[in-house]
C-alpha atoms as a PDB file:
ATOM      1  CA  MET A   1     -14.965 -11.952 -14.574  1.00  0.00           C
ATOM      2  CA  THR A   2     -11.350 -11.014 -15.289  1.00  0.00           C
ATOM      3  CA  SER A   3      -9.346  -9.013 -12.769  1.00  0.00           C
ATOM      4  CA  PRO A   4      -7.954  -5.648 -13.984  1.00  0.00           C
ATOM      5  CA  ILE A   5      -4.681  -6.542 -12.230  1.00  0.00           C
ATOM      6  CA  PRO A   6      -2.450  -8.986 -14.137  1.00  0.00           C
ATOM      7  CA  ALA A   7      -2.211 -12.422 -12.515  1.00  0.00           C
ATOM      8  CA  SER A   8       1.493 -11.876 -11.821  1.00  0.00           C
ATOM      9  CA  ALA A   9       0.654  -8.773  -9.792  1.00  0.00           C
ATOM     10  CA  GLN A  10      -2.113 -10.362  -7.744  1.00  0.00           C
ATOM     11  CA  VAL A  11      -1.406 -11.573  -4.244  1.00  0.00           C
ATOM     12  CA  ALA A  12      -2.929 -15.014  -3.976  1.00  0.00           C
ATOM     13  CA  SER A  13      -4.036 -16.288  -0.609  1.00  0.00           C
ATOM     14  CA  THR A  14      -5.054 -19.752   0.446  1.00  0.00           C
ATOM     15  CA  ASP A  15      -6.702 -18.463   3.599  1.00  0.00           C
ATOM     16  CA  GLY A  16      -8.514 -15.424   4.893  1.00  0.00           C
ATOM     17  CA  ARG A  17      -5.530 -14.336   7.004  1.00  0.00           C
ATOM     18  CA  GLY A  18      -3.408 -13.554   3.948  1.00  0.00           C
ATOM     19  CA  ALA A  19      -6.269 -11.683   2.317  1.00  0.00           C
ATOM     20  CA  ALA A  20      -6.898  -9.687   5.503  1.00  0.00           C
ATOM     21  CA  LEU A  21      -3.205  -8.781   5.799  1.00  0.00           C
ATOM     22  CA  THR A  22      -3.129  -7.736   2.146  1.00  0.00           C
ATOM     23  CA  ALA A  23      -6.179  -5.526   2.761  1.00  0.00           C
ATOM     24  CA  LEU A  24      -4.428  -3.868   5.727  1.00  0.00           C
ATOM     25  CA  ILE A  25      -1.276  -3.403   3.646  1.00  0.00           C
ATOM     26  CA  ARG A  26      -3.328  -1.772   0.896  1.00  0.00           C
ATOM     27  CA  ILE A  27      -5.103   0.543   3.346  1.00  0.00           C
ATOM     28  CA  ALA A  28      -1.783   1.705   4.833  1.00  0.00           C
ATOM     29  CA  LEU A  29      -0.293   2.149   1.358  1.00  0.00           C
ATOM     30  CA  ALA A  30      -3.359   4.114   0.231  1.00  0.00           C
ATOM     31  CA  VAL A  31      -3.002   6.528   3.163  1.00  0.00           C
ATOM     32  CA  LEU A  32       0.715   7.012   2.472  1.00  0.00           C
ATOM     33  CA  PHE A  33       0.153   7.332  -1.292  1.00  0.00           C
ATOM     34  CA  LEU A  34      -2.546   9.982  -0.893  1.00  0.00           C
ATOM     35  CA  ASP A  35      -0.476  11.857   1.702  1.00  0.00           C
ATOM     36  CA  GLU A  36       2.578  11.968  -0.562  1.00  0.00           C
ATOM     37  CA  LEU A  37       0.533  12.748  -3.676  1.00  0.00           C
ATOM     38  CA  VAL A  38      -1.229  15.733  -2.094  1.00  0.00           C
ATOM     39  CA  VAL A  39       1.826  17.105  -0.277  1.00  0.00           C
ATOM     40  CA  GLY A  40       4.119  16.534  -3.261  1.00  0.00           C
ATOM     41  CA  PHE A  41       1.789  18.056  -5.840  1.00  0.00           C
ATOM     42  CA  TRP A  42       0.971  21.064  -3.675  1.00  0.00           C
ATOM     43  CA  ASN A  43       4.626  21.690  -2.861  1.00  0.00           C
ATOM     44  CA  GLN A  44       5.816  21.141  -6.437  1.00  0.00           C
ATOM     45  CA  VAL A  45       3.174  23.219  -8.207  1.00  0.00           C
ATOM     46  CA  PHE A  46       2.269  25.839  -5.585  1.00  0.00           C
ATOM     47  CA  PRO A  47       5.263  26.144  -3.213  1.00  0.00           C
ATOM     48  CA  GLU A  48       4.321  29.537  -1.784  1.00  0.00           C
ATOM     49  CA  SER A  49       0.747  28.418  -1.105  1.00  0.00           C
ATOM     50  CA  PHE A  50       2.069  25.248   0.558  1.00  0.00           C
ATOM     51  CA  TYR A  51       4.415  27.286   2.736  1.00  0.00           C
ATOM     52  CA  ASN A  52       1.718  29.766   3.742  1.00  0.00           C
ATOM     53  CA  ASN A  53      -1.161  27.331   4.245  1.00  0.00           C
ATOM     54  CA  PHE A  54       0.086  23.869   5.234  1.00  0.00           C
ATOM     55  CA  PRO A  55      -0.143  23.513   9.028  1.00  0.00           C
ATOM     56  CA  THR A  56       3.069  24.301  10.899  1.00  0.00           C
ATOM     57  CA  VAL A  57       5.361  24.739   7.842  1.00  0.00           C
ATOM     58  CA  THR A  58       5.849  28.411   8.677  1.00  0.00           C
ATOM     59  CA  LEU A  59       7.423  27.336  11.999  1.00  0.00           C
ATOM     60  CA  THR A  60      10.685  26.796  10.078  1.00  0.00           C
ATOM     61  CA  PRO A  61      11.077  29.858   7.833  1.00  0.00           C
ATOM     62  CA  PRO A  62      12.095  31.138   5.368  1.00  0.00           C
ATOM     63  CA  LEU A  63      10.500  29.827   2.171  1.00  0.00           C
ATOM     64  CA  SER A  64      12.923  28.549  -0.447  1.00  0.00           C
ATOM     65  CA  GLU A  65      11.095  27.936  -3.725  1.00  0.00           C
ATOM     66  CA  HIS A  66      13.951  25.783  -5.026  1.00  0.00           C
ATOM     67  CA  TYR A  67      13.952  23.602  -1.913  1.00  0.00           C
ATOM     68  CA  ALA A  68      10.153  23.422  -1.850  1.00  0.00           C
ATOM     69  CA  ARG A  69       9.909  22.307  -5.487  1.00  0.00           C
ATOM     70  CA  ASP A  70      12.706  19.769  -5.029  1.00  0.00           C
ATOM     71  CA  PHE A  71      10.934  18.374  -1.966  1.00  0.00           C
ATOM     72  CA  GLY A  72       7.664  18.297  -3.902  1.00  0.00           C
ATOM     73  CA  GLY A  73       9.272  16.363  -6.749  1.00  0.00           C
ATOM     74  CA  ALA A  74      10.892  13.852  -4.391  1.00  0.00           C
ATOM     75  CA  THR A  75       7.593  13.441  -2.556  1.00  0.00           C
ATOM     76  CA  LEU A  76       5.809  12.777  -5.858  1.00  0.00           C
ATOM     77  CA  GLY A  77       8.493  10.162  -6.590  1.00  0.00           C
ATOM     78  CA  LEU A  78       7.627   8.445  -3.315  1.00  0.00           C
ATOM     79  CA  ALA A  79       3.955   8.602  -4.302  1.00  0.00           C
ATOM     80  CA  VAL A  80       4.778   6.767  -7.543  1.00  0.00           C
ATOM     81  CA  VAL A  81       6.478   3.833  -5.811  1.00  0.00           C
ATOM     82  CA  LEU A  82       3.789   3.724  -3.108  1.00  0.00           C
ATOM     83  CA  GLY A  83       1.129   3.715  -5.851  1.00  0.00           C
ATOM     84  CA  ILE A  84       2.798   0.798  -7.620  1.00  0.00           C
ATOM     85  CA  ALA A  85       2.901  -1.137  -4.339  1.00  0.00           C
ATOM     86  CA  LEU A  86      -0.751  -0.267  -3.713  1.00  0.00           C
ATOM     87  CA  VAL A  87      -1.829  -1.677  -7.084  1.00  0.00           C
ATOM     88  CA  ALA A  88       0.435  -4.753  -6.835  1.00  0.00           C
ATOM     89  CA  PRO A  89       1.037  -5.402  -3.118  1.00  0.00           C
ATOM     90  CA  ARG A  90       3.773  -8.008  -3.549  1.00  0.00           C
ATOM     91  CA  ALA A  91       6.763  -7.907  -1.217  1.00  0.00           C
ATOM     92  CA  ALA A  92       9.028  -6.936  -4.126  1.00  0.00           C
ATOM     93  CA  PHE A  93       7.081  -3.663  -4.321  1.00  0.00           C
ATOM     94  CA  THR A  94       5.686  -3.049  -0.820  1.00  0.00           C
ATOM     95  CA  ILE A  95       8.915  -3.464   1.132  1.00  0.00           C
ATOM     96  CA  PRO A  96      11.080  -1.141  -1.023  1.00  0.00           C
ATOM     97  CA  ALA A  97       8.272   1.444  -1.241  1.00  0.00           C
ATOM     98  CA  ALA A  98       7.664   1.407   2.516  1.00  0.00           C
ATOM     99  CA  ALA A  99      11.412   1.415   3.243  1.00  0.00           C
ATOM    100  CA  ALA A 100      11.919   4.434   0.956  1.00  0.00           C
ATOM    101  CA  PHE A 101       9.036   6.229   2.644  1.00  0.00           C
ATOM    102  CA  SER A 102      10.306   5.331   6.136  1.00  0.00           C
ATOM    103  CA  THR A 103      13.798   6.576   5.254  1.00  0.00           C
ATOM    104  CA  TYR A 104      12.199   9.992   4.857  1.00  0.00           C
ATOM    105  CA  ALA A 105       9.390   9.822   7.445  1.00  0.00           C
ATOM    106  CA  ILE A 106      11.280   8.664  10.533  1.00  0.00           C
ATOM    107  CA  PRO A 107      13.967  11.411  10.473  1.00  0.00           C
ATOM    108  CA  HIS A 108      11.206  13.904   9.543  1.00  0.00           C
ATOM    109  CA  PHE A 109       9.286  12.885  12.681  1.00  0.00           C
ATOM    110  CA  PHE A 110      12.371  13.359  14.891  1.00  0.00           C
ATOM    111  CA  PHE A 111      13.197  16.706  13.295  1.00  0.00           C
ATOM    112  CA  HIS A 112       9.770  18.073  14.144  1.00  0.00           C
ATOM    113  CA  LEU A 113       9.805  16.466  17.577  1.00  0.00           C
ATOM    114  CA  THR A 114      12.936  18.461  18.411  1.00  0.00           C
ATOM    115  CA  HIS A 115      11.783  21.726  16.766  1.00  0.00           C
ATOM    116  CA  LEU A 116       8.558  22.592  18.574  1.00  0.00           C
ATOM    117  CA  ASP A 117       9.773  25.771  20.318  1.00  0.00           C
ATOM    118  CA  ASP A 118       7.533  28.175  18.385  1.00  0.00           C
ATOM    119  CA  ALA A 119       4.553  25.818  18.080  1.00  0.00           C
ATOM    120  CA  SER A 120       1.361  26.235  20.046  1.00  0.00           C
ATOM    121  CA  LEU A 121       0.236  23.234  22.096  1.00  0.00           C
ATOM    122  CA  GLY A 122      -2.311  22.346  19.406  1.00  0.00           C
ATOM    123  CA  GLU A 123       0.291  22.615  16.630  1.00  0.00           C
ATOM    124  CA  ALA A 124       2.746  20.519  18.620  1.00  0.00           C
ATOM    125  CA  VAL A 125       0.186  17.782  19.254  1.00  0.00           C
ATOM    126  CA  PHE A 126      -0.996  17.800  15.629  1.00  0.00           C
ATOM    127  CA  LEU A 127       2.514  17.793  14.194  1.00  0.00           C
ATOM    128  CA  THR A 128       3.836  15.100  16.495  1.00  0.00           C
ATOM    129  CA  THR A 129       0.797  12.852  16.091  1.00  0.00           C
ATOM    130  CA  ALA A 130       0.503  13.190  12.306  1.00  0.00           C
ATOM    131  CA  ASN A 131       4.203  12.590  11.732  1.00  0.00           C
ATOM    132  CA  ALA A 132       4.283   9.633  14.153  1.00  0.00           C
ATOM    133  CA  VAL A 133       1.287   7.982  12.468  1.00  0.00           C
ATOM    134  CA  VAL A 134       2.695   8.161   8.946  1.00  0.00           C
ATOM    135  CA  ALA A 135       6.175   7.104  10.098  1.00  0.00           C
ATOM    136  CA  LEU A 136       4.667   4.075  11.834  1.00  0.00           C
ATOM    137  CA  LEU A 137       2.513   3.233   8.793  1.00  0.00           C
ATOM    138  CA  GLY A 138       5.623   2.756   6.667  1.00  0.00           C
ATOM    139  CA  LEU A 139       7.048   0.338   9.225  1.00  0.00           C
ATOM    140  CA  LEU A 140       3.656  -1.364   9.543  1.00  0.00           C
ATOM    141  CA  VAL A 141       3.557  -2.082   5.801  1.00  0.00           C
ATOM    142  CA  ILE A 142       6.954  -3.781   6.041  1.00  0.00           C
ATOM    143  CA  ALA A 143       5.940  -5.812   9.108  1.00  0.00           C
ATOM    144  CA  LEU A 144       2.578  -6.881   7.672  1.00  0.00           C
ATOM    145  CA  THR A 145       4.181  -7.905   4.386  1.00  0.00           C
ATOM    146  CA  LEU A 146       6.790 -10.015   6.197  1.00  0.00           C
ATOM    147  CA  ILE A 147       4.121 -11.632   8.394  1.00  0.00           C
ATOM    148  CA  ARG A 148       1.834 -12.321   5.437  1.00  0.00           C
ATOM    149  CA  ASP A 149       4.593 -13.809   3.314  1.00  0.00           C
ATOM    150  CA  SER A 150       6.165 -15.873   6.113  1.00  0.00           C
ATOM    151  CA  GLY A 151       2.817 -17.662   6.473  1.00  0.00           C
ATOM    152  CA  ARG A 152       2.833 -18.408   2.761  1.00  0.00           C
ATOM    153  CA  ARG A 153       6.387 -19.730   2.917  1.00  0.00           C
ATOM    154  CA  ARG A 154       5.490 -22.017   5.835  1.00  0.00           C
ATOM    155  CA  ARG A 155       2.407 -23.336   4.023  1.00  0.00           C
ATOM    156  CA  GLY A 156       4.474 -23.845   0.867  1.00  0.00           C
ATOM    157  CA  ALA A 157       7.174 -25.728   2.778  1.00  0.00           C
ATOM    158  CA  VAL A 158       4.567 -27.984   4.410  1.00  0.00           C
ATOM    159  CA  ALA A 159       2.882 -28.656   1.052  1.00  0.00           C
ATOM    160  CA  ASN A 160       6.229 -29.438  -0.627  1.00  0.00           C
ATOM    161  CA  GLY A 161       7.786 -31.320   2.296  1.00  0.00           C
END
């Protein structure tokens, strides 16, 4: 049976550890991809609905349709690169995609962490936890990719040396 992913995009593994790390990388990328796809689409296409209905967004009024649509478009752009990395989880794709996501997600986490004045306890816990998890997932993808590929380099050096 032929794989739907071109051979050049597949991540080969000579042991179960590499395959397990690739599975974890794909799971983290899938979560980030779906998060960015939903948030980006909703914000780009229905900015007022996003502002009125997404948890805690109304804590930082007012709504700016221009800003919301720009953010939605940029978020969809992140979804594209995360989706490419998800389909072809090679370091050349996963590290730049996760780094681009983390460049957004880490400052976003700290912004919300320091702007909880009008949030209820439940909103504060939700906002802090959700933003921390996705910010850490971006860093996790980078770390797992480096760990996975360092094992391959070591095995390759032993086989060639």
